[in-house]
Amino acid sequence: MRRSTLAALCLTAVTATLSLTACGTGGPGDTAGPGDKPKAPFADLSGPQIANKAMKATRGASSLTIKGNAADGDGGQIALDVALDKKGDCAGSMGMKGQGKVDLIKTGPTMYLKSDEAFLRAQSEGESKADTDAVVKMLAGRWMKSKADSPDTKDMADFCDLDSMLAEFKSNDTLARKGRATTVDGTPAFTVTETDGKDEYTLYVATEGKPYVLKLVTKSAKEPAALTFSDYDKPVEAAPPADKDIVDLDKMGG
């Protein structure tokens, strides 16, 4: 079975998208004294300061769930719905249009994957039809397991590392502009926008509790993206599949 590259594409696409909105330096908080009229969200902060505040808070999260779509840099769109934490555990699914979907669970040193037929065929590019058909017949729709550091699953395991996912949440000097108050799935938020030519990037920042990033939207003809971030600091339900019909890839020799 050829080494999977979808997870590497996912990690590249997500971190590249996230890094475009990291900006500015920290600033004072949004406070109001007794009897004062409540201020608008982040009234005392500039656009770059809001974004940096959000990046810092998000980097400090122990876990989160990321959902949505991001460009893969090659004209395709990657779909994600994965909960992951800083221990390296994760559970969810990822896929690419025309290349199928894979469910994944990483718990401790073990990676579990369940691929559909389209995913297996896409990952078998370059193999003979007979070999690909044999792989599909044997593995499609079945859970597989392997050591997380094996060649077949290392990309997936790397994607499950929240520290790697958030590595691009860094500050830098930009011209981010303050936006407006809004909501993301019912949670109060405030937007920060930035443009790069015809592309526009909008960061939605929570205005209650910690200023986590709630959503990131990229309006771009070539690399559109829409990602939501939720379930901050909630335990990731990453347990081995209940299904006993699990193929051990390590025993198969990869």
C-alpha atoms as a PDB file:
ATOM      1  CA  MET A   1       0.000   0.000   0.000  1.00  0.00           C
ATOM      2  CA  ARG A   2       1.468   3.348  -1.058  1.00  0.00           C
ATOM      3  CA  ARG A   3       2.198   5.882   1.652  1.00  0.00           C
ATOM      4  CA  SER A   4      -0.722   8.221   2.150  1.00  0.00           C
ATOM      5  CA  THR A   5      -0.176  11.875   1.241  1.00  0.00           C
ATOM      6  CA  LEU A   6      -3.615  13.279   2.047  1.00  0.00           C
ATOM      7  CA  ALA A   7      -2.747  14.068   5.659  1.00  0.00           C
ATOM      8  CA  ALA A   8       0.387  15.905   4.591  1.00  0.00           C
ATOM      9  CA  LEU A   9      -1.715  17.938   2.167  1.00  0.00           C
ATOM     10  CA  CYS A  10      -4.231  18.658   4.919  1.00  0.00           C
ATOM     11  CA  LEU A  11      -1.571  19.859   7.330  1.00  0.00           C
ATOM     12  CA  THR A  12       0.043  22.031   4.658  1.00  0.00           C
ATOM     13  CA  ALA A  13      -3.278  23.506   3.554  1.00  0.00           C
ATOM     14  CA  VAL A  14      -4.518  24.261   7.055  1.00  0.00           C
ATOM     15  CA  THR A  15      -1.293  25.723   8.420  1.00  0.00           C
ATOM     16  CA  ALA A  16      -0.791  27.814   5.293  1.00  0.00           C
ATOM     17  CA  THR A  17      -4.312  29.174   5.600  1.00  0.00           C
ATOM     18  CA  LEU A  18      -3.918  29.904   9.302  1.00  0.00           C
ATOM     19  CA  SER A  19      -0.555  31.647   8.918  1.00  0.00           C
ATOM     20  CA  LEU A  20      -1.991  34.256   6.565  1.00  0.00           C
ATOM     21  CA  THR A  21      -3.994  35.870   9.344  1.00  0.00           C
ATOM     22  CA  ALA A  22      -1.440  35.810  12.159  1.00  0.00           C
ATOM     23  CA  CYS A  23      -0.468  39.390  12.802  1.00  0.00           C
ATOM     24  CA  GLY A  24       0.483  42.252  15.114  1.00  0.00           C
ATOM     25  CA  THR A  25       1.594  42.634  18.703  1.00  0.00           C
ATOM     26  CA  GLY A  26      -0.364  42.400  21.944  1.00  0.00           C
ATOM     27  CA  GLY A  27      -2.245  45.304  23.509  1.00  0.00           C
ATOM     28  CA  PRO A  28      -4.478  46.238  26.435  1.00  0.00           C
ATOM     29  CA  GLY A  29      -7.633  44.325  27.223  1.00  0.00           C
ATOM     30  CA  ASP A  30     -11.236  45.419  26.675  1.00  0.00           C
ATOM     31  CA  THR A  31     -12.528  46.635  30.025  1.00  0.00           C
ATOM     32  CA  ALA A  32     -15.119  49.051  31.332  1.00  0.00           C
ATOM     33  CA  GLY A  33     -15.294  50.656  34.743  1.00  0.00           C
ATOM     34  CA  PRO A  34     -18.329  50.642  37.067  1.00  0.00           C
ATOM     35  CA  GLY A  35     -21.120  52.734  35.591  1.00  0.00           C
ATOM     36  CA  ASP A  36     -19.401  53.059  32.238  1.00  0.00           C
ATOM     37  CA  LYS A  37     -21.295  52.324  29.055  1.00  0.00           C
ATOM     38  CA  PRO A  38     -20.292  48.837  27.810  1.00  0.00           C
ATOM     39  CA  LYS A  39     -17.674  49.065  25.111  1.00  0.00           C
ATOM     40  CA  ALA A  40     -17.813  47.360  21.760  1.00  0.00           C
ATOM     41  CA  PRO A  41     -15.832  44.110  21.584  1.00  0.00           C
ATOM     42  CA  PHE A  42     -12.078  44.774  21.575  1.00  0.00           C
ATOM     43  CA  ALA A  43     -12.721  48.534  21.547  1.00  0.00           C
ATOM     44  CA  ASP A  44      -9.220  49.303  22.854  1.00  0.00           C
ATOM     45  CA  LEU A  45      -7.384  47.016  20.434  1.00  0.00           C
ATOM     46  CA  SER A  46      -6.264  47.456  16.851  1.00  0.00           C
ATOM     47  CA  GLY A  47      -6.867  44.848  14.161  1.00  0.00           C
ATOM     48  CA  PRO A  48      -3.376  43.307  14.466  1.00  0.00           C
ATOM     49  CA  GLN A  49      -3.678  43.288  18.260  1.00  0.00           C
ATOM     50  CA  ILE A  50      -6.988  41.416  18.134  1.00  0.00           C
ATOM     51  CA  ALA A  51      -5.561  38.819  15.774  1.00  0.00           C
ATOM     52  CA  ASN A  52      -2.471  38.342  17.906  1.00  0.00           C
ATOM     53  CA  LYS A  53      -4.596  37.993  21.041  1.00  0.00           C
ATOM     54  CA  ALA A  54      -6.612  35.291  19.280  1.00  0.00           C
ATOM     55  CA  MET A  55      -3.507  33.485  18.066  1.00  0.00           C
ATOM     56  CA  LYS A  56      -2.011  33.441  21.562  1.00  0.00           C
ATOM     57  CA  ALA A  57      -5.206  32.096  23.127  1.00  0.00           C
ATOM     58  CA  THR A  58      -5.630  29.434  20.457  1.00  0.00           C
ATOM     59  CA  ARG A  59      -2.012  28.291  20.739  1.00  0.00           C
ATOM     60  CA  GLY A  60      -2.669  27.700  24.436  1.00  0.00           C
ATOM     61  CA  ALA A  61      -5.622  25.347  23.868  1.00  0.00           C
ATOM     62  CA  SER A  62      -5.079  21.733  24.880  1.00  0.00           C
ATOM     63  CA  SER A  63      -7.530  20.451  22.254  1.00  0.00           C
ATOM     64  CA  LEU A  64      -9.995  21.574  19.596  1.00  0.00           C
ATOM     65  CA  THR A  65     -12.090  20.391  16.667  1.00  0.00           C
ATOM     66  CA  ILE A  66     -11.485  21.725  13.181  1.00  0.00           C
ATOM     67  CA  LYS A  67     -14.132  21.444  10.465  1.00  0.00           C
ATOM     68  CA  GLY A  68     -14.505  22.770   6.954  1.00  0.00           C
ATOM     69  CA  ASN A  69     -12.663  22.990   3.677  1.00  0.00           C
ATOM     70  CA  ALA A  70      -9.257  24.289   2.653  1.00  0.00           C
ATOM     71  CA  ALA A  71      -7.428  24.471  -0.670  1.00  0.00           C
ATOM     72  CA  ASP A  72      -4.709  21.899  -1.196  1.00  0.00           C
ATOM     73  CA  GLY A  73      -2.583  24.267  -3.271  1.00  0.00           C
ATOM     74  CA  ASP A  74      -3.155  22.241  -6.405  1.00  0.00           C
ATOM     75  CA  GLY A  75      -6.679  23.265  -7.317  1.00  0.00           C
ATOM     76  CA  GLY A  76      -8.448  20.797  -5.041  1.00  0.00           C
ATOM     77  CA  GLN A  77     -10.369  21.148  -1.788  1.00  0.00           C
ATOM     78  CA  ILE A  78      -9.688  19.165   1.364  1.00  0.00           C
ATOM     79  CA  ALA A  79     -12.603  18.455   3.718  1.00  0.00           C
ATOM     80  CA  LEU A  80     -11.867  18.114   7.430  1.00  0.00           C
ATOM     81  CA  ASP A  81     -13.764  17.150  10.559  1.00  0.00           C
ATOM     82  CA  VAL A  82     -11.170  16.200  13.149  1.00  0.00           C
ATOM     83  CA  ALA A  83     -10.818  16.597  16.913  1.00  0.00           C
ATOM     84  CA  LEU A  84      -7.196  16.674  18.039  1.00  0.00           C
ATOM     85  CA  ASP A  85      -5.128  17.478  21.102  1.00  0.00           C
ATOM     86  CA  LYS A  86      -1.595  18.237  22.218  1.00  0.00           C
ATOM     87  CA  LYS A  87      -1.031  14.653  23.294  1.00  0.00           C
ATOM     88  CA  GLY A  88      -1.204  13.740  19.617  1.00  0.00           C
ATOM     89  CA  ASP A  89      -4.547  11.919  19.851  1.00  0.00           C
ATOM     90  CA  CYS A  90      -7.275  12.575  17.301  1.00  0.00           C
ATOM     91  CA  ALA A  91     -10.550  11.275  15.891  1.00  0.00           C
ATOM     92  CA  GLY A  92     -12.509  12.277  12.815  1.00  0.00           C
ATOM     93  CA  SER A  93     -12.350  12.163   9.051  1.00  0.00           C
ATOM     94  CA  MET A  94     -10.704  13.864   6.104  1.00  0.00           C
ATOM     95  CA  GLY A  95     -11.091  13.631   2.376  1.00  0.00           C
ATOM     96  CA  MET A  96     -10.648  15.280  -0.972  1.00  0.00           C
ATOM     97  CA  LYS A  97     -13.134  15.713  -3.791  1.00  0.00           C
ATOM     98  CA  GLY A  98     -12.737  12.842  -6.205  1.00  0.00           C
ATOM     99  CA  GLN A  99     -10.274  11.062  -3.924  1.00  0.00           C
ATOM    100  CA  GLY A 100     -12.567   9.638  -1.277  1.00  0.00           C
ATOM    101  CA  LYS A 101     -12.559   9.844   2.493  1.00  0.00           C
ATOM    102  CA  VAL A 102     -10.716   8.237   5.373  1.00  0.00           C
ATOM    103  CA  ASP A 103     -11.843   7.968   9.000  1.00  0.00           C
ATOM    104  CA  LEU A 104      -9.021   8.170  11.492  1.00  0.00           C
ATOM    105  CA  ILE A 105      -8.331   7.587  15.147  1.00  0.00           C
ATOM    106  CA  LYS A 106      -4.981   8.003  16.838  1.00  0.00           C
ATOM    107  CA  THR A 107      -4.679   6.945  20.423  1.00  0.00           C
ATOM    108  CA  GLY A 108      -1.253   6.721  22.007  1.00  0.00           C
ATOM    109  CA  PRO A 109       1.237   5.034  19.667  1.00  0.00           C
ATOM    110  CA  THR A 110      -1.418   3.430  17.451  1.00  0.00           C
ATOM    111  CA  MET A 111      -3.142   4.801  14.348  1.00  0.00           C
ATOM    112  CA  TYR A 112      -6.471   3.418  13.101  1.00  0.00           C
ATOM    113  CA  LEU A 113      -7.729   4.175   9.587  1.00  0.00           C
ATOM    114  CA  LYS A 114     -10.837   3.218   7.636  1.00  0.00           C
ATOM    115  CA  SER A 115     -10.743   4.171   3.955  1.00  0.00           C
ATOM    116  CA  ASP A 116     -13.453   4.074   1.335  1.00  0.00           C
ATOM    117  CA  GLU A 117     -12.882   2.665  -2.136  1.00  0.00           C
ATOM    118  CA  ALA A 118     -12.230   6.029  -3.785  1.00  0.00           C
ATOM    119  CA  PHE A 119      -9.554   6.899  -1.233  1.00  0.00           C
ATOM    120  CA  LEU A 120      -7.765   3.587  -1.662  1.00  0.00           C
ATOM    121  CA  ARG A 121      -7.790   3.929  -5.440  1.00  0.00           C
ATOM    122  CA  ALA A 122      -6.454   7.484  -5.258  1.00  0.00           C
ATOM    123  CA  GLN A 123      -3.669   6.401  -2.917  1.00  0.00           C
ATOM    124  CA  SER A 124      -2.757   3.503  -5.215  1.00  0.00           C
ATOM    125  CA  GLU A 125      -1.899   5.717  -8.174  1.00  0.00           C
ATOM    126  CA  GLY A 126       0.895   4.126 -10.172  1.00  0.00           C
ATOM    127  CA  GLU A 127      -0.004   0.601  -9.105  1.00  0.00           C
ATOM    128  CA  SER A 128      -1.402  -1.944 -11.539  1.00  0.00           C
ATOM    129  CA  LYS A 129      -5.177  -2.255 -11.801  1.00  0.00           C
ATOM    130  CA  ALA A 130      -4.997  -5.813 -10.526  1.00  0.00           C
ATOM    131  CA  ASP A 131      -3.020  -4.778  -7.448  1.00  0.00           C
ATOM    132  CA  THR A 132      -5.329  -1.834  -6.782  1.00  0.00           C
ATOM    133  CA  ASP A 133      -8.437  -3.986  -7.142  1.00  0.00           C
ATOM    134  CA  ALA A 134      -6.956  -6.470  -4.678  1.00  0.00           C
ATOM    135  CA  VAL A 135      -6.257  -3.727  -2.123  1.00  0.00           C
ATOM    136  CA  VAL A 136      -9.768  -2.325  -2.503  1.00  0.00           C
ATOM    137  CA  LYS A 137     -11.359  -5.758  -2.120  1.00  0.00           C
ATOM    138  CA  MET A 138      -9.348  -6.464   1.008  1.00  0.00           C
ATOM    139  CA  LEU A 139      -9.379  -3.083   2.775  1.00  0.00           C
ATOM    140  CA  ALA A 140     -12.246  -0.830   1.649  1.00  0.00           C
ATOM    141  CA  GLY A 141     -14.551  -0.053   4.567  1.00  0.00           C
ATOM    142  CA  ARG A 142     -12.416  -1.950   7.097  1.00  0.00           C
ATOM    143  CA  TRP A 143     -10.485  -0.540  10.000  1.00  0.00           C
ATOM    144  CA  MET A 144      -6.725  -0.860   9.705  1.00  0.00           C
ATOM    145  CA  LYS A 145      -4.203  -0.266  12.447  1.00  0.00           C
ATOM    146  CA  SER A 146      -0.508   0.432  12.494  1.00  0.00           C
ATOM    147  CA  LYS A 147       2.171   1.984  14.641  1.00  0.00           C
ATOM    148  CA  ALA A 148       1.785   5.752  14.364  1.00  0.00           C
ATOM    149  CA  ASP A 149       5.382   6.170  13.208  1.00  0.00           C
ATOM    150  CA  SER A 150       5.154   3.630  10.385  1.00  0.00           C
ATOM    151  CA  PRO A 151       5.609   4.879   6.783  1.00  0.00           C
ATOM    152  CA  ASP A 152       1.957   4.178   5.914  1.00  0.00           C
ATOM    153  CA  THR A 153       0.506   6.225   8.769  1.00  0.00           C
ATOM    154  CA  LYS A 154       3.148   8.789   9.762  1.00  0.00           C
ATOM    155  CA  ASP A 155       1.511  11.586   7.750  1.00  0.00           C
ATOM    156  CA  MET A 156      -1.804  10.962   9.474  1.00  0.00           C
ATOM    157  CA  ALA A 157      -0.141  10.856  12.894  1.00  0.00           C
ATOM    158  CA  ASP A 158       1.668  14.125  12.212  1.00  0.00           C
ATOM    159  CA  PHE A 159      -1.623  15.766  11.284  1.00  0.00           C
ATOM    160  CA  CYS A 160      -3.072  14.701  14.654  1.00  0.00           C
ATOM    161  CA  ASP A 161      -0.473  16.727  16.561  1.00  0.00           C
ATOM    162  CA  LEU A 162      -2.179  19.953  17.649  1.00  0.00           C
ATOM    163  CA  ASP A 163       1.169  21.626  18.336  1.00  0.00           C
ATOM    164  CA  SER A 164       2.093  21.117  14.675  1.00  0.00           C
ATOM    165  CA  MET A 165      -1.314  22.358  13.573  1.00  0.00           C
ATOM    166  CA  LEU A 166      -0.916  25.564  15.575  1.00  0.00           C
ATOM    167  CA  ALA A 167       2.746  26.140  14.765  1.00  0.00           C
ATOM    168  CA  GLU A 168       1.796  28.832  12.238  1.00  0.00           C
ATOM    169  CA  PHE A 169      -0.241  30.806  14.775  1.00  0.00           C
ATOM    170  CA  LYS A 170       2.526  33.393  14.996  1.00  0.00           C
ATOM    171  CA  SER A 171       2.474  37.163  15.051  1.00  0.00           C
ATOM    172  CA  ASN A 172       3.927  39.346  12.327  1.00  0.00           C
ATOM    173  CA  ASP A 173       3.424  42.864  11.056  1.00  0.00           C
ATOM    174  CA  THR A 174       0.405  43.232   8.791  1.00  0.00           C
ATOM    175  CA  LEU A 175      -2.345  45.731   8.036  1.00  0.00           C
ATOM    176  CA  ALA A 176      -5.223  43.756   9.512  1.00  0.00           C
ATOM    177  CA  ARG A 177      -8.421  45.792   9.746  1.00  0.00           C
ATOM    178  CA  LYS A 178     -11.040  45.621  12.494  1.00  0.00           C
ATOM    179  CA  GLY A 179     -14.375  44.291  11.278  1.00  0.00           C
ATOM    180  CA  ARG A 180     -17.704  43.865  13.012  1.00  0.00           C
ATOM    181  CA  ALA A 181     -19.528  42.037  15.773  1.00  0.00           C
ATOM    182  CA  THR A 182     -21.198  38.819  14.623  1.00  0.00           C
ATOM    183  CA  THR A 183     -21.724  35.212  15.733  1.00  0.00           C
ATOM    184  CA  VAL A 184     -20.305  31.825  14.779  1.00  0.00           C
ATOM    185  CA  ASP A 185     -22.764  29.004  15.421  1.00  0.00           C
ATOM    186  CA  GLY A 186     -24.424  31.170  18.066  1.00  0.00           C
ATOM    187  CA  THR A 187     -21.183  32.224  19.783  1.00  0.00           C
ATOM    188  CA  PRO A 188     -20.502  35.991  19.876  1.00  0.00           C
ATOM    189  CA  ALA A 189     -17.512  36.918  17.745  1.00  0.00           C
ATOM    190  CA  PHE A 190     -15.686  39.844  16.175  1.00  0.00           C
ATOM    191  CA  THR A 191     -14.034  39.871  12.774  1.00  0.00           C
ATOM    192  CA  VAL A 192     -10.610  40.963  11.622  1.00  0.00           C
ATOM    193  CA  THR A 193      -9.903  41.173   7.894  1.00  0.00           C
ATOM    194  CA  GLU A 194      -6.868  41.436   5.694  1.00  0.00           C
ATOM    195  CA  THR A 195      -6.375  41.571   1.951  1.00  0.00           C
ATOM    196  CA  ASP A 196      -3.629  40.361  -0.323  1.00  0.00           C
ATOM    197  CA  GLY A 197      -4.345  41.482  -3.848  1.00  0.00           C
ATOM    198  CA  LYS A 198      -7.783  40.123  -4.704  1.00  0.00           C
ATOM    199  CA  ASP A 199      -7.732  37.626  -1.824  1.00  0.00           C
ATOM    200  CA  GLU A 200      -9.418  38.449   1.484  1.00  0.00           C
ATOM    201  CA  TYR A 201      -8.907  36.702   4.809  1.00  0.00           C
ATOM    202  CA  THR A 202     -11.375  37.006   7.679  1.00  0.00           C
ATOM    203  CA  LEU A 203     -10.690  35.808  11.197  1.00  0.00           C
ATOM    204  CA  TYR A 204     -13.621  35.385  13.608  1.00  0.00           C
ATOM    205  CA  VAL A 205     -12.552  35.814  17.239  1.00  0.00           C
ATOM    206  CA  ALA A 206     -14.599  34.863  20.312  1.00  0.00           C
ATOM    207  CA  THR A 207     -15.640  37.878  22.393  1.00  0.00           C
ATOM    208  CA  GLU A 208     -16.747  35.922  25.458  1.00  0.00           C
ATOM    209  CA  GLY A 209     -14.344  33.896  27.539  1.00  0.00           C
ATOM    210  CA  LYS A 210     -10.947  33.334  25.958  1.00  0.00           C
ATOM    211  CA  PRO A 211     -10.523  35.039  22.576  1.00  0.00           C
ATOM    212  CA  TYR A 212     -10.196  31.815  20.622  1.00  0.00           C
ATOM    213  CA  VAL A 213     -10.277  31.696  16.849  1.00  0.00           C
ATOM    214  CA  LEU A 214     -13.776  30.471  15.946  1.00  0.00           C
ATOM    215  CA  LYS A 215     -13.626  30.632  12.179  1.00  0.00           C
ATOM    216  CA  LEU A 216     -11.319  31.479   9.317  1.00  0.00           C
ATOM    217  CA  VAL A 217     -12.599  32.303   5.828  1.00  0.00           C
ATOM    218  CA  THR A 218     -10.427  32.852   2.779  1.00  0.00           C
ATOM    219  CA  LYS A 219     -12.091  34.431  -0.246  1.00  0.00           C
ATOM    220  CA  SER A 220      -9.863  33.546  -3.160  1.00  0.00           C
ATOM    221  CA  ALA A 221     -10.401  32.440  -6.731  1.00  0.00           C
ATOM    222  CA  LYS A 222      -7.595  29.906  -6.472  1.00  0.00           C
ATOM    223  CA  GLU A 223      -7.412  28.915  -2.803  1.00  0.00           C
ATOM    224  CA  PRO A 224     -10.734  29.442  -0.990  1.00  0.00           C
ATOM    225  CA  ALA A 225     -11.126  28.093   2.524  1.00  0.00           C
ATOM    226  CA  ALA A 226     -13.679  28.059   5.322  1.00  0.00           C
ATOM    227  CA  LEU A 227     -12.618  26.480   8.612  1.00  0.00           C
ATOM    228  CA  THR A 228     -14.359  26.494  11.988  1.00  0.00           C
ATOM    229  CA  PHE A 229     -12.728  25.787  15.346  1.00  0.00           C
ATOM    230  CA  SER A 230     -14.756  24.508  18.289  1.00  0.00           C
ATOM    231  CA  ASP A 231     -14.764  22.233  21.343  1.00  0.00           C
ATOM    232  CA  TYR A 232     -11.757  23.999  22.822  1.00  0.00           C
ATOM    233  CA  ASP A 233     -10.128  22.133  25.709  1.00  0.00           C
ATOM    234  CA  LYS A 234     -12.652  19.293  25.526  1.00  0.00           C
ATOM    235  CA  PRO A 235     -11.273  15.727  25.791  1.00  0.00           C
ATOM    236  CA  VAL A 236     -10.813  14.045  22.429  1.00  0.00           C
ATOM    237  CA  GLU A 237     -12.804  10.820  22.255  1.00  0.00           C
ATOM    238  CA  ALA A 238     -10.018   8.767  20.705  1.00  0.00           C
ATOM    239  CA  ALA A 239     -10.612   5.128  21.589  1.00  0.00           C
ATOM    240  CA  PRO A 240      -9.806   2.044  19.512  1.00  0.00           C
ATOM    241  CA  PRO A 241     -12.680   1.037  17.201  1.00  0.00           C
ATOM    242  CA  ALA A 242     -15.212  -1.335  18.732  1.00  0.00           C
ATOM    243  CA  ASP A 243     -15.105  -3.344  15.497  1.00  0.00           C
ATOM    244  CA  LYS A 244     -13.015  -6.486  16.036  1.00  0.00           C
ATOM    245  CA  ASP A 245     -12.385  -6.962  12.310  1.00  0.00           C
ATOM    246  CA  ILE A 246      -9.268  -4.784  12.242  1.00  0.00           C
ATOM    247  CA  VAL A 247      -6.450  -5.356   9.742  1.00  0.00           C
ATOM    248  CA  ASP A 248      -3.012  -5.093  11.318  1.00  0.00           C
ATOM    249  CA  LEU A 249      -0.866  -3.420   8.643  1.00  0.00           C
ATOM    250  CA  ASP A 250       2.339  -4.000  10.571  1.00  0.00           C
ATOM    251  CA  LYS A 251       1.808  -7.749  10.480  1.00  0.00           C
ATOM    252  CA  MET A 252       1.160  -7.484   6.737  1.00  0.00           C
ATOM    253  CA  GLY A 253       4.506  -5.821   6.233  1.00  0.00           C
ATOM    254  CA  GLY A 254       2.971  -2.346   5.402  1.00  0.00           C
END
